[in-house]
C-alpha atoms as a PDB file:
ATOM      1  CA  MET A   1      -0.176   0.257  -0.441  1.00  0.00           C
ATOM      2  CA  SER A   2       1.266   2.719  -1.033  1.00  0.00           C
ATOM      3  CA  ARG A   3       1.072   6.466   1.778  1.00  0.00           C
ATOM      4  CA  ALA A   4       0.745   9.026  -1.037  1.00  0.00           C
ATOM      5  CA  ALA A   5      -2.081   7.267  -3.121  1.00  0.00           C
ATOM      6  CA  VAL A   6      -4.745   6.179  -1.115  1.00  0.00           C
ATOM      7  CA  LEU A   7      -7.550   7.525  -3.074  1.00  0.00           C
ATOM      8  CA  THR A   8      -7.470   7.897  -6.865  1.00  0.00           C
ATOM      9  CA  ASP A   9      -8.276  11.216  -8.731  1.00  0.00           C
ATOM     10  CA  ALA A  10     -11.638   9.279 -10.116  1.00  0.00           C
ATOM     11  CA  GLN A  11     -12.525   8.319  -6.339  1.00  0.00           C
ATOM     12  CA  TRP A  12     -12.147  11.657  -4.971  1.00  0.00           C
ATOM     13  CA  GLN A  13     -14.171  13.358  -7.682  1.00  0.00           C
ATOM     14  CA  LEU A  14     -17.361  11.009  -5.638  1.00  0.00           C
ATOM     15  CA  ILE A  15     -16.529  11.870  -2.507  1.00  0.00           C
ATOM     16  CA  GLU A  16     -15.562  15.240  -2.349  1.00  0.00           C
ATOM     17  CA  PRO A  17     -18.882  17.080  -3.276  1.00  0.00           C
ATOM     18  CA  LEU A  18     -20.405  15.396  -0.043  1.00  0.00           C
ATOM     19  CA  MET A  19     -17.667  16.709   2.351  1.00  0.00           C
ATOM     20  CA  PRO A  20     -19.480  19.840   4.205  1.00  0.00           C
ATOM     21  CA  SER A  21     -18.406  23.096   4.184  1.00  0.00           C
ATOM     22  CA  SER A  22     -16.432  25.370   6.763  1.00  0.00           C
ATOM     23  CA  ASP A  23     -17.894  28.535   5.490  1.00  0.00           C
ATOM     24  CA  GLY A  24     -19.796  30.706   7.966  1.00  0.00           C
ATOM     25  CA  LYS A  25     -18.461  28.502  10.754  1.00  0.00           C
ATOM     26  CA  GLN A  26     -16.373  30.564  13.331  1.00  0.00           C
ATOM     27  CA  GLY A  27     -12.676  29.348  13.641  1.00  0.00           C
ATOM     28  CA  ASN A  28      -9.768  28.655  10.972  1.00  0.00           C
ATOM     29  CA  GLN A  29     -10.651  26.711   7.888  1.00  0.00           C
ATOM     30  CA  PHE A  30     -10.923  23.259   7.563  1.00  0.00           C
ATOM     31  CA  ARG A  31      -7.506  21.198   6.394  1.00  0.00           C
ATOM     32  CA  ASP A  32      -7.897  20.218   2.975  1.00  0.00           C
ATOM     33  CA  HIS A  33     -10.588  17.473   3.606  1.00  0.00           C
ATOM     34  CA  ARG A  34      -8.763  14.793   1.025  1.00  0.00           C
ATOM     35  CA  GLN A  35      -5.711  14.736   3.105  1.00  0.00           C
ATOM     36  CA  VAL A  36      -7.565  14.220   5.734  1.00  0.00           C
ATOM     37  CA  VAL A  37      -9.853  11.523   5.032  1.00  0.00           C
ATOM     38  CA  GLU A  38      -6.895   9.507   3.020  1.00  0.00           C
ATOM     39  CA  GLY A  39      -5.563   9.544   6.868  1.00  0.00           C
ATOM     40  CA  ILE A  40      -8.222   8.175   8.084  1.00  0.00           C
ATOM     41  CA  ILE A  41      -8.452   5.428   5.157  1.00  0.00           C
ATOM     42  CA  TYR A  42      -4.599   4.929   5.685  1.00  0.00           C
ATOM     43  CA  ARG A  43      -5.722   4.553   9.442  1.00  0.00           C
ATOM     44  CA  PHE A  44      -8.060   2.328   9.075  1.00  0.00           C
ATOM     45  CA  ARG A  45      -6.423  -0.015   6.486  1.00  0.00           C
ATOM     46  CA  SER A  46      -3.149  -0.512   8.507  1.00  0.00           C
ATOM     47  CA  GLY A  47      -4.989  -0.978  12.226  1.00  0.00           C
ATOM     48  CA  LEU A  48      -2.237   1.769  13.518  1.00  0.00           C
ATOM     49  CA  ALA A  49      -3.428   4.137  16.485  1.00  0.00           C
ATOM     50  CA  TRP A  50      -4.267   7.062  15.921  1.00  0.00           C
ATOM     51  CA  ARG A  51      -1.070   8.871  17.466  1.00  0.00           C
ATOM     52  CA  ASP A  52       1.033   6.616  14.862  1.00  0.00           C
ATOM     53  CA  LEU A  53      -0.484   8.087  12.020  1.00  0.00           C
ATOM     54  CA  PRO A  54       2.110   9.545   9.505  1.00  0.00           C
ATOM     55  CA  GLY A  55       2.549  13.353   9.463  1.00  0.00           C
ATOM     56  CA  GLU A  56       2.030  13.914   5.288  1.00  0.00           C
ATOM     57  CA  PHE A  57      -1.949  13.021   6.477  1.00  0.00           C
ATOM     58  CA  GLY A  58      -1.440  16.077   8.727  1.00  0.00           C
ATOM     59  CA  PRO A  59      -1.799  16.299  12.752  1.00  0.00           C
ATOM     60  CA  TRP A  60      -3.138  13.054  13.916  1.00  0.00           C
ATOM     61  CA  GLN A  61      -5.621  14.997  16.588  1.00  0.00           C
ATOM     62  CA  THR A  62      -7.002  16.952  13.555  1.00  0.00           C
ATOM     63  CA  VAL A  63      -8.124  13.499  11.430  1.00  0.00           C
ATOM     64  CA  SER A  64      -9.081  11.704  14.632  1.00  0.00           C
ATOM     65  CA  LYS A  65     -11.409  14.390  15.352  1.00  0.00           C
ATOM     66  CA  ARG A  66     -13.020  15.029  11.560  1.00  0.00           C
ATOM     67  CA  HIS A  67     -13.465  11.414  11.972  1.00  0.00           C
ATOM     68  CA  ARG A  68     -15.236  11.771  15.123  1.00  0.00           C
ATOM     69  CA  ARG A  69     -17.017  14.946  13.328  1.00  0.00           C
ATOM     70  CA  PHE A  70     -17.794  13.340   9.959  1.00  0.00           C
ATOM     71  CA  SER A  71     -19.591  10.196  12.113  1.00  0.00           C
ATOM     72  CA  ALA A  72     -21.380  12.032  14.345  1.00  0.00           C
ATOM     73  CA  ASP A  73     -23.532  14.946  11.794  1.00  0.00           C
ATOM     74  CA  GLY A  74     -23.980  11.655   9.031  1.00  0.00           C
ATOM     75  CA  THR A  75     -21.270  12.462   6.691  1.00  0.00           C
ATOM     76  CA  TRP A  76     -20.329   8.977   6.260  1.00  0.00           C
ATOM     77  CA  ASP A  77     -23.851   7.899   5.911  1.00  0.00           C
ATOM     78  CA  ARG A  78     -24.383  10.100   3.090  1.00  0.00           C
ATOM     79  CA  VAL A  79     -20.671   8.968   1.530  1.00  0.00           C
ATOM     80  CA  HIS A  80     -21.769   5.511   1.962  1.00  0.00           C
ATOM     81  CA  THR A  81     -25.049   6.258   0.073  1.00  0.00           C
ATOM     82  CA  ALA A  82     -23.265   7.960  -2.908  1.00  0.00           C
ATOM     83  CA  LEU A  83     -21.084   5.616  -3.364  1.00  0.00           C
ATOM     84  CA  LEU A  84     -23.348   2.522  -3.484  1.00  0.00           C
ATOM     85  CA  THR A  85     -25.699   4.528  -5.749  1.00  0.00           C
ATOM     86  CA  HIS A  86     -23.102   5.024  -7.726  1.00  0.00           C
ATOM     87  CA  ALA A  87     -21.796   1.340  -7.870  1.00  0.00           C
ATOM     88  CA  ASP A  88     -25.274   0.133  -8.203  1.00  0.00           C
ATOM     89  CA  ALA A  89     -26.003   2.509 -11.601  1.00  0.00           C
ATOM     90  CA  VAL A  90     -22.633   1.063 -12.859  1.00  0.00           C
ATOM     91  CA  GLY A  91     -23.478  -2.551 -12.721  1.00  0.00           C
ATOM     92  CA  GLU A  92     -20.808  -3.341  -9.873  1.00  0.00           C
ATOM     93  CA  ILE A  93     -22.799  -4.526  -7.071  1.00  0.00           C
ATOM     94  CA  ASP A  94     -24.519  -8.335  -7.232  1.00  0.00           C
ATOM     95  CA  TRP A  95     -27.062  -8.051  -5.215  1.00  0.00           C
ATOM     96  CA  ASN A  96     -27.198 -12.038  -4.761  1.00  0.00           C
ATOM     97  CA  VAL A  97     -27.987 -12.926  -1.259  1.00  0.00           C
ATOM     98  CA  SER A  98     -26.538 -16.157   0.464  1.00  0.00           C
ATOM     99  CA  ILE A  99     -28.329 -17.496   3.605  1.00  0.00           C
ATOM    100  CA  ASP A 100     -26.649 -19.746   5.836  1.00  0.00           C
ATOM    101  CA  SER A 101     -28.114 -22.212   8.340  1.00  0.00           C
ATOM    102  CA  THR A 102     -25.095 -23.029  10.447  1.00  0.00           C
ATOM    103  CA  VAL A 103     -26.426 -23.915  13.709  1.00  0.00           C
ATOM    104  CA  ASN A 104     -24.305 -22.849  16.813  1.00  0.00           C
ATOM    105  CA  ARG A 105     -25.044 -24.570  20.223  1.00  0.00           C
ATOM    106  CA  ALA A 106     -24.132 -23.393  23.366  1.00  0.00           C
ATOM    107  CA  HIS A 107     -23.179 -26.409  26.165  1.00  0.00           C
ATOM    108  CA  GLN A 108     -26.204 -26.038  29.012  1.00  0.00           C
ATOM    109  CA  HIS A 109     -23.943 -24.702  31.263  1.00  0.00           C
ATOM    110  CA  GLY A 110     -22.829 -21.633  29.438  1.00  0.00           C
ATOM    111  CA  THR A 111     -26.036 -20.395  29.085  1.00  0.00           C
ATOM    112  CA  ALA A 112     -27.839 -20.841  32.905  1.00  0.00           C
ATOM    113  CA  GLN A 113     -27.955 -17.564  34.558  1.00  0.00           C
ATOM    114  CA  SER A 114     -29.344 -16.849  37.579  1.00  0.00           C
ATOM    115  CA  ARG A 115     -32.709 -15.557  37.916  1.00  0.00           C
ATOM    116  CA  THR A 116     -31.774 -12.126  39.772  1.00  0.00           C
ATOM    117  CA  PRO A 117     -29.112 -10.129  38.563  1.00  0.00           C
ATOM    118  CA  SER A 118     -26.142 -10.605  40.216  1.00  0.00           C
ATOM    119  CA  ARG A 119     -22.968  -8.338  40.113  1.00  0.00           C
ATOM    120  CA  ARG A 120     -21.230 -10.097  37.699  1.00  0.00           C
ATOM    121  CA  ALA A 121     -24.052  -9.145  35.194  1.00  0.00           C
ATOM    122  CA  THR A 122     -24.645  -5.986  36.142  1.00  0.00           C
ATOM    123  CA  GLN A 123     -20.807  -5.639  35.386  1.00  0.00           C
ATOM    124  CA  GLY A 124     -21.303  -6.143  31.645  1.00  0.00           C
ATOM    125  CA  HIS A 125     -19.724  -9.363  31.975  1.00  0.00           C
ATOM    126  CA  GLY A 126     -22.567 -11.604  31.898  1.00  0.00           C
ATOM    127  CA  ARG A 127     -23.973  -9.515  28.318  1.00  0.00           C
ATOM    128  CA  ILE A 128     -22.819 -12.657  26.396  1.00  0.00           C
ATOM    129  CA  THR A 129     -24.326 -15.353  28.800  1.00  0.00           C
ATOM    130  CA  GLY A 130     -27.556 -13.337  28.452  1.00  0.00           C
ATOM    131  CA  ILE A 131     -27.661 -13.187  24.976  1.00  0.00           C
ATOM    132  CA  LEU A 132     -27.047 -16.933  24.910  1.00  0.00           C
ATOM    133  CA  ALA A 133     -29.866 -17.760  27.692  1.00  0.00           C
ATOM    134  CA  ARG A 134     -32.370 -15.454  25.520  1.00  0.00           C
ATOM    135  CA  SER A 135     -31.685 -17.592  22.106  1.00  0.00           C
ATOM    136  CA  ARG A 136     -31.456 -20.574  24.272  1.00  0.00           C
ATOM    137  CA  LEU A 137     -34.912 -20.134  25.549  1.00  0.00           C
ATOM    138  CA  THR A 138     -35.995 -19.055  21.711  1.00  0.00           C
ATOM    139  CA  MET A 139     -34.618 -22.273  20.402  1.00  0.00           C
ATOM    140  CA  ARG A 140     -36.366 -24.650  23.582  1.00  0.00           C
ATOM    141  CA  SER A 141     -39.991 -23.126  22.924  1.00  0.00           C
ATOM    142  CA  ALA A 142     -39.983 -23.645  18.983  1.00  0.00           C
ATOM    143  CA  ALA A 143     -38.670 -27.428  19.341  1.00  0.00           C
ATOM    144  CA  PRO A 144     -41.189 -29.938  19.684  1.00  0.00           C
ATOM    145  CA  ALA A 145     -41.976 -31.814  22.567  1.00  0.00           C
ATOM    146  CA  VAL A 146     -40.346 -35.351  23.195  1.00  0.00           C
ATOM    147  CA  ALA A 147     -42.385 -37.531  24.951  1.00  0.00           C
ATOM    148  CA  SER A 148     -39.932 -40.184  25.628  1.00  0.00           C
ATOM    149  CA  ARG A 149     -38.016 -38.258  27.996  1.00  0.00           C
ATOM    150  CA  PRO A 150     -38.742 -37.768  30.921  1.00  0.00           C
ATOM    151  CA  ARG A 151     -39.600 -34.394  32.209  1.00  0.00           C
ATOM    152  CA  PHE A 152     -38.363 -34.615  35.881  1.00  0.00           C
ATOM    153  CA  ILE A 153     -35.915 -37.733  36.957  1.00  0.00           C
ATOM    154  CA  THR A 154     -36.717 -39.202  40.401  1.00  0.00           C
ATOM    155  CA  PRO A 155     -34.584 -41.197  42.837  1.00  0.00           C
ATOM    156  CA  VAL A 156     -36.220 -44.060  41.809  1.00  0.00           C
ATOM    157  CA  THR A 157     -35.344 -43.500  38.081  1.00  0.00           C
ATOM    158  CA  ALA A 158     -31.840 -42.623  38.616  1.00  0.00           C
ATOM    159  CA  ARG A 159     -31.508 -46.032  40.793  1.00  0.00           C
ATOM    160  CA  VAL A 160     -32.894 -47.689  37.657  1.00  0.00           C
ATOM    161  CA  ALA A 161     -30.562 -45.823  35.159  1.00  0.00           C
ATOM    162  CA  ARG A 162     -27.264 -46.919  36.886  1.00  0.00           C
ATOM    163  CA  TRP A 163     -28.545 -50.110  36.920  1.00  0.00           C
ATOM    164  CA  CYS A 164     -29.601 -50.945  34.001  1.00  0.00           C
ATOM    165  CA  CYS A 165     -27.739 -48.143  31.406  1.00  0.00           C
END
């Protein structure tokens, strides 16, 4: 990946009209949008921290702040919609949908959660366990009842099971 050429001129021409203007706002003019957007793209492609962004994209604080501002005011949503519309008009998008019917099962102890919220669940550690418990309840209610399996095991049933099986 080249640092100097992150976006081509044709790609930038699609994005440039969607960038907000700093006209009529207090303070200094915006830094060149192309330089900042290329810094944002470079940062996400390479996976580095904001502080490690090369200096040719400008100060990392400016690039980070502009990314946050564009996320909050909907600029990235407008850019995404415009690029999808353009790609669809050109015929670059294949709208076929692939559906996967994979079933992931969790062990019964991995889904158990106490009825009262525990300290662990209120601290966010039980978030995944709660999601699994809800999915388990949904799967259990959708599954047909099996008549041959005893609902409760009595001590007599347990003794018989020990002897014969």
